[in-house]
Amino acid sequence: MSEFVIAVSELTRRFGAMTALASVTLSLPRGSVYGLVGANGAGKTTLIKHILGLLRAQEGSVRIFGYDPVADPVAVLSRVGYLSEENDIPGWMRIEELIRYSRAFYPAWDDAYAEELRKMFALDPMAKVKSLSKGQKARAGLLIALAHRPELLVLDEPSSGLDPIVRRDILGAVIRSVAEEGRTVLFSSHLLEEVEQVADHVTMISGGRIVVSAPLNEIKESHRAGERLPTLDEIFIAHAAGAAPEG
């Protein structure tokens, strides 16, 4: 078994004349929260689609738990929980139906944990998905992503456009899933303050290239200006502008 949950090597992806990812190399060991940050269009979602096996590598390689997610989707996806910004779940289903439907896809589904999450997120089991607010839909999507206790939880802009209380709920669930069970989270967001609250390790991507990838405390310490540690937002702006911060 691979020591890395995610191992991406020299991954390049082009869409016509546009290069979405340029020689991206990334290795994520088990048991921490990894923040993937960058502006909209930087390449975050394209990278995540390769990790989930939704896109085949044109150049380079992608391995999840040591498997190619395109060639061995069953070996990968049953161990992955995923929540995207779109969170496209069937609107005609009631919450209780959504839970029963989703349970069938995951041998490790935990009914008691699913019910615990449903109560935590204050989701009415009889409510139809189409009647839910955006925040409630995000909570329902997170329930489905977490209830089978995945080894890898992938969150792609999960809280974009949500109110602070819902964002806090999502971040709280991420923290609990890692702290209590030692699982791995890949958390993609352009809200750098949010990532800074939960991430152990941060990878910054700009124009399809990784510009920084290191433990969060090391990144902040290496950009220290005198007594003051910069925010992740300040560090990213400096890198995106192509200038090194002072200090």
C-alpha atoms as a PDB file:
ATOM      1  CA  MET A   1       0.000   0.000   0.000  1.00  0.00           C
ATOM      2  CA  SER A   2       1.264   3.465  -0.878  1.00  0.00           C
ATOM      3  CA  GLU A   3       2.436   5.628   2.013  1.00  0.00           C
ATOM      4  CA  PHE A   4       0.705   8.532   0.282  1.00  0.00           C
ATOM      5  CA  VAL A   5      -3.044   8.970   0.044  1.00  0.00           C
ATOM      6  CA  ILE A   6      -2.548  11.228  -2.986  1.00  0.00           C
ATOM      7  CA  ALA A   7       0.520  11.104  -5.238  1.00  0.00           C
ATOM      8  CA  VAL A   8       0.470  13.358  -8.305  1.00  0.00           C
ATOM      9  CA  SER A   9       3.574  13.501 -10.485  1.00  0.00           C
ATOM     10  CA  GLU A  10       4.310  15.941 -13.322  1.00  0.00           C
ATOM     11  CA  LEU A  11       0.600  16.271 -14.132  1.00  0.00           C
ATOM     12  CA  THR A  12      -0.115  18.482 -17.133  1.00  0.00           C
ATOM     13  CA  ARG A  13      -3.581  19.181 -18.535  1.00  0.00           C
ATOM     14  CA  ARG A  14      -4.447  21.312 -21.555  1.00  0.00           C
ATOM     15  CA  PHE A  15      -7.836  22.355 -22.862  1.00  0.00           C
ATOM     16  CA  GLY A  16      -7.130  23.452 -26.405  1.00  0.00           C
ATOM     17  CA  ALA A  17      -4.537  26.206 -26.268  1.00  0.00           C
ATOM     18  CA  MET A  18      -5.031  26.746 -22.540  1.00  0.00           C
ATOM     19  CA  THR A  19      -2.806  24.954 -20.029  1.00  0.00           C
ATOM     20  CA  ALA A  20      -4.909  24.310 -16.930  1.00  0.00           C
ATOM     21  CA  LEU A  21      -2.213  22.362 -15.039  1.00  0.00           C
ATOM     22  CA  ALA A  22       1.511  22.578 -15.725  1.00  0.00           C
ATOM     23  CA  SER A  23       3.769  19.828 -14.344  1.00  0.00           C
ATOM     24  CA  VAL A  24       1.981  19.638 -10.994  1.00  0.00           C
ATOM     25  CA  THR A  25       3.611  17.341  -8.435  1.00  0.00           C
ATOM     26  CA  LEU A  26       1.950  16.794  -5.076  1.00  0.00           C
ATOM     27  CA  SER A  27       2.207  14.111  -2.366  1.00  0.00           C
ATOM     28  CA  LEU A  28      -0.188  13.940   0.573  1.00  0.00           C
ATOM     29  CA  PRO A  29       0.478  11.478   3.404  1.00  0.00           C
ATOM     30  CA  ARG A  30      -2.266  10.307   5.730  1.00  0.00           C
ATOM     31  CA  GLY A  31      -3.979  12.047   8.577  1.00  0.00           C
ATOM     32  CA  SER A  32      -4.022  15.821   8.105  1.00  0.00           C
ATOM     33  CA  VAL A  33      -5.991  18.663   6.551  1.00  0.00           C
ATOM     34  CA  TYR A  34      -4.486  19.934   3.309  1.00  0.00           C
ATOM     35  CA  GLY A  35      -5.616  23.320   2.006  1.00  0.00           C
ATOM     36  CA  LEU A  36      -5.528  23.837  -1.767  1.00  0.00           C
ATOM     37  CA  VAL A  37      -5.792  27.559  -2.380  1.00  0.00           C
ATOM     38  CA  GLY A  38      -5.857  29.789  -5.411  1.00  0.00           C
ATOM     39  CA  ALA A  39      -7.967  32.281  -7.296  1.00  0.00           C
ATOM     40  CA  ASN A  40     -10.951  31.091  -9.308  1.00  0.00           C
ATOM     41  CA  GLY A  41      -9.610  29.510 -12.505  1.00  0.00           C
ATOM     42  CA  ALA A  42      -6.200  28.745 -10.981  1.00  0.00           C
ATOM     43  CA  GLY A  43      -6.551  25.002 -11.616  1.00  0.00           C
ATOM     44  CA  LYS A  44      -7.864  23.727  -8.278  1.00  0.00           C
ATOM     45  CA  THR A  45     -10.995  22.020  -9.611  1.00  0.00           C
ATOM     46  CA  THR A  46      -9.127  20.559 -12.601  1.00  0.00           C
ATOM     47  CA  LEU A  47      -6.636  18.981 -10.195  1.00  0.00           C
ATOM     48  CA  ILE A  48      -9.442  17.593  -8.039  1.00  0.00           C
ATOM     49  CA  LYS A  49     -11.188  16.110 -11.092  1.00  0.00           C
ATOM     50  CA  HIS A  50      -7.985  14.182 -11.864  1.00  0.00           C
ATOM     51  CA  ILE A  51      -7.792  12.988  -8.253  1.00  0.00           C
ATOM     52  CA  LEU A  52     -11.374  11.700  -8.474  1.00  0.00           C
ATOM     53  CA  GLY A  53     -10.746  10.023 -11.843  1.00  0.00           C
ATOM     54  CA  LEU A  54     -13.132  12.352 -13.693  1.00  0.00           C
ATOM     55  CA  LEU A  55     -10.292  13.409 -15.991  1.00  0.00           C
ATOM     56  CA  ARG A  56      -7.537  11.203 -17.389  1.00  0.00           C
ATOM     57  CA  ALA A  57      -3.973  12.477 -17.118  1.00  0.00           C
ATOM     58  CA  GLN A  58      -2.656  13.703 -20.472  1.00  0.00           C
ATOM     59  CA  GLU A  59       0.883  13.848 -19.136  1.00  0.00           C
ATOM     60  CA  GLY A  60       2.203  12.636 -15.794  1.00  0.00           C
ATOM     61  CA  SER A  61       0.442  10.346 -13.332  1.00  0.00           C
ATOM     62  CA  VAL A  62      -2.149  10.370 -10.556  1.00  0.00           C
ATOM     63  CA  ARG A  63      -2.333   7.723  -7.833  1.00  0.00           C
ATOM     64  CA  ILE A  64      -4.853   7.584  -4.991  1.00  0.00           C
ATOM     65  CA  PHE A  65      -4.114   4.943  -2.318  1.00  0.00           C
ATOM     66  CA  GLY A  66      -1.596   3.660  -4.889  1.00  0.00           C
ATOM     67  CA  TYR A  67      -4.262   3.177  -7.594  1.00  0.00           C
ATOM     68  CA  ASP A  68      -4.966   4.974 -10.854  1.00  0.00           C
ATOM     69  CA  PRO A  69      -8.444   6.462 -10.195  1.00  0.00           C
ATOM     70  CA  VAL A  70      -9.378   6.215 -13.880  1.00  0.00           C
ATOM     71  CA  ALA A  71      -8.297   2.587 -14.307  1.00  0.00           C
ATOM     72  CA  ASP A  72      -9.466   1.416 -10.837  1.00  0.00           C
ATOM     73  CA  PRO A  73     -12.409   3.613  -9.817  1.00  0.00           C
ATOM     74  CA  VAL A  74     -13.920   0.998  -7.494  1.00  0.00           C
ATOM     75  CA  ALA A  75     -10.681   0.697  -5.524  1.00  0.00           C
ATOM     76  CA  VAL A  76     -10.600   4.468  -5.068  1.00  0.00           C
ATOM     77  CA  LEU A  77     -14.077   5.960  -4.902  1.00  0.00           C
ATOM     78  CA  SER A  78     -15.452   3.693  -2.172  1.00  0.00           C
ATOM     79  CA  ARG A  79     -12.771   5.178   0.103  1.00  0.00           C
ATOM     80  CA  VAL A  80     -13.369   8.814  -0.872  1.00  0.00           C
ATOM     81  CA  GLY A  81     -15.977  11.307   0.317  1.00  0.00           C
ATOM     82  CA  TYR A  82     -16.589  14.275  -1.982  1.00  0.00           C
ATOM     83  CA  LEU A  83     -18.438  17.566  -1.694  1.00  0.00           C
ATOM     84  CA  SER A  84     -18.344  20.182  -4.451  1.00  0.00           C
ATOM     85  CA  GLU A  85     -19.591  23.743  -4.706  1.00  0.00           C
ATOM     86  CA  GLU A  86     -22.315  22.598  -7.127  1.00  0.00           C
ATOM     87  CA  ASN A  87     -23.421  19.824  -4.746  1.00  0.00           C
ATOM     88  CA  ASP A  88     -25.761  18.359  -7.373  1.00  0.00           C
ATOM     89  CA  ILE A  89     -28.051  16.005  -5.420  1.00  0.00           C
ATOM     90  CA  PRO A  90     -31.524  14.894  -6.624  1.00  0.00           C
ATOM     91  CA  GLY A  91     -34.073  17.554  -5.758  1.00  0.00           C
ATOM     92  CA  TRP A  92     -37.039  15.185  -5.703  1.00  0.00           C
ATOM     93  CA  MET A  93     -35.647  13.072  -2.880  1.00  0.00           C
ATOM     94  CA  ARG A  94     -36.452  13.581   0.774  1.00  0.00           C
ATOM     95  CA  ILE A  95     -33.492  13.640   3.167  1.00  0.00           C
ATOM     96  CA  GLU A  96     -34.328  10.154   4.462  1.00  0.00           C
ATOM     97  CA  GLU A  97     -34.496   8.854   0.868  1.00  0.00           C
ATOM     98  CA  LEU A  98     -31.202  10.512   0.006  1.00  0.00           C
ATOM     99  CA  ILE A  99     -29.567   8.781   2.961  1.00  0.00           C
ATOM    100  CA  ARG A 100     -30.987   5.360   2.024  1.00  0.00           C
ATOM    101  CA  TYR A 101     -30.010   5.834  -1.626  1.00  0.00           C
ATOM    102  CA  SER A 102     -26.453   6.892  -0.798  1.00  0.00           C
ATOM    103  CA  ARG A 103     -25.959   4.103   1.738  1.00  0.00           C
ATOM    104  CA  ALA A 104     -26.203   1.500  -1.062  1.00  0.00           C
ATOM    105  CA  PHE A 105     -22.986   2.742  -2.680  1.00  0.00           C
ATOM    106  CA  TYR A 106     -20.756   2.434   0.387  1.00  0.00           C
ATOM    107  CA  PRO A 107     -20.114  -0.879   2.181  1.00  0.00           C
ATOM    108  CA  ALA A 108     -18.655   1.043   5.137  1.00  0.00           C
ATOM    109  CA  TRP A 109     -21.698   3.302   5.579  1.00  0.00           C
ATOM    110  CA  ASP A 110     -22.308   4.020   9.263  1.00  0.00           C
ATOM    111  CA  ASP A 111     -26.058   4.412   9.968  1.00  0.00           C
ATOM    112  CA  ALA A 112     -25.544   5.715  13.495  1.00  0.00           C
ATOM    113  CA  TYR A 113     -23.028   8.314  12.320  1.00  0.00           C
ATOM    114  CA  ALA A 114     -25.339   9.375   9.470  1.00  0.00           C
ATOM    115  CA  GLU A 115     -28.132   9.968  11.976  1.00  0.00           C
ATOM    116  CA  GLU A 116     -25.763  11.839  14.272  1.00  0.00           C
ATOM    117  CA  LEU A 117     -24.777  14.112  11.378  1.00  0.00           C
ATOM    118  CA  ARG A 118     -28.411  14.615  10.341  1.00  0.00           C
ATOM    119  CA  LYS A 119     -29.263  15.849  13.834  1.00  0.00           C
ATOM    120  CA  MET A 120     -26.092  17.922  14.067  1.00  0.00           C
ATOM    121  CA  PHE A 121     -26.959  19.666  10.792  1.00  0.00           C
ATOM    122  CA  ALA A 122     -30.642  20.061  11.794  1.00  0.00           C
ATOM    123  CA  LEU A 123     -31.934  18.346   8.642  1.00  0.00           C
ATOM    124  CA  ASP A 124     -35.597  17.295   8.625  1.00  0.00           C
ATOM    125  CA  PRO A 125     -35.727  13.691   7.333  1.00  0.00           C
ATOM    126  CA  MET A 126     -39.015  14.419   5.520  1.00  0.00           C
ATOM    127  CA  ALA A 127     -37.822  17.615   3.803  1.00  0.00           C
ATOM    128  CA  LYS A 128     -37.331  17.444   0.045  1.00  0.00           C
ATOM    129  CA  VAL A 129     -33.920  18.451  -1.235  1.00  0.00           C
ATOM    130  CA  LYS A 130     -35.414  20.964  -3.671  1.00  0.00           C
ATOM    131  CA  SER A 131     -37.011  22.825  -0.750  1.00  0.00           C
ATOM    132  CA  LEU A 132     -33.730  23.252   1.131  1.00  0.00           C
ATOM    133  CA  SER A 133     -31.742  26.470   1.347  1.00  0.00           C
ATOM    134  CA  LYS A 134     -28.248  26.537  -0.139  1.00  0.00           C
ATOM    135  CA  GLY A 135     -26.806  26.104   3.337  1.00  0.00           C
ATOM    136  CA  GLN A 136     -29.049  23.126   4.105  1.00  0.00           C
ATOM    137  CA  LYS A 137     -28.089  21.501   0.787  1.00  0.00           C
ATOM    138  CA  ALA A 138     -24.430  21.940   1.683  1.00  0.00           C
ATOM    139  CA  ARG A 139     -25.078  20.239   5.019  1.00  0.00           C
ATOM    140  CA  ALA A 140     -26.921  17.372   3.281  1.00  0.00           C
ATOM    141  CA  GLY A 141     -24.028  16.963   0.845  1.00  0.00           C
ATOM    142  CA  LEU A 142     -21.530  16.935   3.684  1.00  0.00           C
ATOM    143  CA  LEU A 143     -23.571  14.284   5.515  1.00  0.00           C
ATOM    144  CA  ILE A 144     -23.400  12.029   2.439  1.00  0.00           C
ATOM    145  CA  ALA A 145     -19.666  12.686   2.057  1.00  0.00           C
ATOM    146  CA  LEU A 146     -18.907  11.868   5.699  1.00  0.00           C
ATOM    147  CA  ALA A 147     -21.309   9.072   6.687  1.00  0.00           C
ATOM    148  CA  HIS A 148     -19.214   6.216   5.281  1.00  0.00           C
ATOM    149  CA  ARG A 149     -16.184   7.529   7.193  1.00  0.00           C
ATOM    150  CA  PRO A 150     -13.999   7.942   4.093  1.00  0.00           C
ATOM    151  CA  GLU A 151     -10.244   7.629   4.304  1.00  0.00           C
ATOM    152  CA  LEU A 152      -9.995  10.702   2.069  1.00  0.00           C
ATOM    153  CA  LEU A 153     -12.473  13.582   2.212  1.00  0.00           C
ATOM    154  CA  VAL A 154     -12.313  15.980  -0.762  1.00  0.00           C
ATOM    155  CA  LEU A 155     -14.031  19.344  -0.364  1.00  0.00           C
ATOM    156  CA  ASP A 156     -14.000  21.544  -3.485  1.00  0.00           C
ATOM    157  CA  GLU A 157     -15.097  25.093  -2.611  1.00  0.00           C
ATOM    158  CA  PRO A 158     -17.698  23.591  -0.258  1.00  0.00           C
ATOM    159  CA  SER A 159     -18.683  26.812   1.464  1.00  0.00           C
ATOM    160  CA  SER A 160     -18.577  29.340  -1.367  1.00  0.00           C
ATOM    161  CA  GLY A 161     -21.517  31.703  -1.013  1.00  0.00           C
ATOM    162  CA  LEU A 162     -22.631  30.276   2.331  1.00  0.00           C
ATOM    163  CA  ASP A 163     -23.235  32.264   5.482  1.00  0.00           C
ATOM    164  CA  PRO A 164     -20.657  32.226   8.294  1.00  0.00           C
ATOM    165  CA  ILE A 165     -22.687  29.901  10.531  1.00  0.00           C
ATOM    166  CA  VAL A 166     -22.929  27.232   7.823  1.00  0.00           C
ATOM    167  CA  ARG A 167     -19.241  27.637   7.011  1.00  0.00           C
ATOM    168  CA  ARG A 168     -18.442  27.147  10.690  1.00  0.00           C
ATOM    169  CA  ASP A 169     -20.528  23.938  10.712  1.00  0.00           C
ATOM    170  CA  ILE A 170     -18.690  22.579   7.670  1.00  0.00           C
ATOM    171  CA  LEU A 171     -15.274  23.457   9.089  1.00  0.00           C
ATOM    172  CA  GLY A 172     -16.232  21.978  12.451  1.00  0.00           C
ATOM    173  CA  ALA A 173     -17.190  18.680  10.806  1.00  0.00           C
ATOM    174  CA  VAL A 174     -13.917  18.641   8.869  1.00  0.00           C
ATOM    175  CA  ILE A 175     -11.911  19.192  12.038  1.00  0.00           C
ATOM    176  CA  ARG A 176     -13.800  16.450  13.893  1.00  0.00           C
ATOM    177  CA  SER A 177     -13.432  13.929  11.086  1.00  0.00           C
ATOM    178  CA  VAL A 178      -9.658  14.398  11.126  1.00  0.00           C
ATOM    179  CA  ALA A 179      -9.042  14.893  14.824  1.00  0.00           C
ATOM    180  CA  GLU A 180     -11.141  11.935  15.945  1.00  0.00           C
ATOM    181  CA  GLU A 181     -10.285   9.404  13.260  1.00  0.00           C
ATOM    182  CA  GLY A 182      -6.980  10.453  11.731  1.00  0.00           C
ATOM    183  CA  ARG A 183      -8.377  10.685   8.214  1.00  0.00           C
ATOM    184  CA  THR A 184      -7.110  12.873   5.383  1.00  0.00           C
ATOM    185  CA  VAL A 185      -8.891  15.971   4.079  1.00  0.00           C
ATOM    186  CA  LEU A 186      -8.164  17.884   0.875  1.00  0.00           C
ATOM    187  CA  PHE A 187      -9.914  21.225   1.252  1.00  0.00           C
ATOM    188  CA  SER A 188     -10.005  23.540  -1.778  1.00  0.00           C
ATOM    189  CA  SER A 189     -11.048  27.149  -1.371  1.00  0.00           C
ATOM    190  CA  HIS A 190     -10.370  30.687  -2.528  1.00  0.00           C
ATOM    191  CA  LEU A 191     -11.366  31.842   0.986  1.00  0.00           C
ATOM    192  CA  LEU A 192      -7.880  31.830   2.451  1.00  0.00           C
ATOM    193  CA  GLU A 193      -8.926  32.923   5.940  1.00  0.00           C
ATOM    194  CA  GLU A 194     -11.130  29.825   6.088  1.00  0.00           C
ATOM    195  CA  VAL A 195      -8.317  27.506   5.019  1.00  0.00           C
ATOM    196  CA  GLU A 196      -5.982  29.128   7.523  1.00  0.00           C
ATOM    197  CA  GLN A 197      -8.344  28.119  10.351  1.00  0.00           C
ATOM    198  CA  VAL A 198      -8.222  24.388   9.625  1.00  0.00           C
ATOM    199  CA  ALA A 199      -5.303  23.421   7.382  1.00  0.00           C
ATOM    200  CA  ASP A 200      -2.107  21.764   8.573  1.00  0.00           C
ATOM    201  CA  HIS A 201      -0.477  21.975   5.147  1.00  0.00           C
ATOM    202  CA  VAL A 202      -1.177  24.478   2.360  1.00  0.00           C
ATOM    203  CA  THR A 203      -0.581  24.235  -1.370  1.00  0.00           C
ATOM    204  CA  MET A 204      -0.962  27.437  -3.379  1.00  0.00           C
ATOM    205  CA  ILE A 205      -1.703  27.154  -7.074  1.00  0.00           C
ATOM    206  CA  SER A 206      -1.596  30.013  -9.562  1.00  0.00           C
ATOM    207  CA  GLY A 207      -1.994  29.753 -13.320  1.00  0.00           C
ATOM    208  CA  GLY A 208      -1.958  25.970 -13.136  1.00  0.00           C
ATOM    209  CA  ARG A 209       1.374  25.848 -11.299  1.00  0.00           C
ATOM    210  CA  ILE A 210       2.171  25.179  -7.655  1.00  0.00           C
ATOM    211  CA  VAL A 211       3.889  28.248  -6.220  1.00  0.00           C
ATOM    212  CA  VAL A 212       4.095  27.159  -2.572  1.00  0.00           C
ATOM    213  CA  SER A 213       3.491  23.841  -0.818  1.00  0.00           C
ATOM    214  CA  ALA A 214       4.499  23.313   2.801  1.00  0.00           C
ATOM    215  CA  PRO A 215       3.135  23.032   6.343  1.00  0.00           C
ATOM    216  CA  LEU A 216       1.154  26.181   7.177  1.00  0.00           C
ATOM    217  CA  ASN A 217       3.362  27.166  10.103  1.00  0.00           C
ATOM    218  CA  GLU A 218       6.479  26.879   7.911  1.00  0.00           C
ATOM    219  CA  ILE A 219       4.933  29.018   5.184  1.00  0.00           C
ATOM    220  CA  LYS A 220       3.990  31.748   7.643  1.00  0.00           C
ATOM    221  CA  GLU A 221       7.345  31.633   9.435  1.00  0.00           C
ATOM    222  CA  SER A 222       9.292  31.850   6.163  1.00  0.00           C
ATOM    223  CA  HIS A 223       7.364  35.013   5.252  1.00  0.00           C
ATOM    224  CA  ARG A 224       7.663  36.637   8.687  1.00  0.00           C
ATOM    225  CA  ALA A 225       8.133  40.398   8.663  1.00  0.00           C
ATOM    226  CA  GLY A 226       9.832  41.281  11.952  1.00  0.00           C
ATOM    227  CA  GLU A 227       7.609  40.295  14.878  1.00  0.00           C
ATOM    228  CA  ARG A 228       4.513  39.920  12.741  1.00  0.00           C
ATOM    229  CA  LEU A 229       3.419  36.755  10.956  1.00  0.00           C
ATOM    230  CA  PRO A 230       1.569  37.526   7.712  1.00  0.00           C
ATOM    231  CA  THR A 231      -1.850  36.112   6.932  1.00  0.00           C
ATOM    232  CA  LEU A 232      -2.215  33.421   4.299  1.00  0.00           C
ATOM    233  CA  ASP A 233      -4.083  35.973   2.197  1.00  0.00           C
ATOM    234  CA  GLU A 234      -1.121  38.360   2.262  1.00  0.00           C
ATOM    235  CA  ILE A 235       1.299  35.574   1.360  1.00  0.00           C
ATOM    236  CA  PHE A 236      -0.830  34.421  -1.557  1.00  0.00           C
ATOM    237  CA  ILE A 237      -1.230  37.952  -2.935  1.00  0.00           C
ATOM    238  CA  ALA A 238       2.533  38.404  -2.850  1.00  0.00           C
ATOM    239  CA  HIS A 239       3.122  35.154  -4.740  1.00  0.00           C
ATOM    240  CA  ALA A 240       0.311  35.749  -7.221  1.00  0.00           C
ATOM    241  CA  ALA A 241       1.804  39.146  -7.979  1.00  0.00           C
ATOM    242  CA  GLY A 242       5.142  37.481  -8.619  1.00  0.00           C
ATOM    243  CA  ALA A 243       6.879  39.363  -5.838  1.00  0.00           C
ATOM    244  CA  ALA A 244       8.466  38.015  -2.662  1.00  0.00           C
ATOM    245  CA  PRO A 245       7.149  39.487   0.565  1.00  0.00           C
ATOM    246  CA  GLU A 246       9.474  41.674   2.574  1.00  0.00           C
ATOM    247  CA  GLY A 247      11.091  40.236   5.639  1.00  0.00           C
END
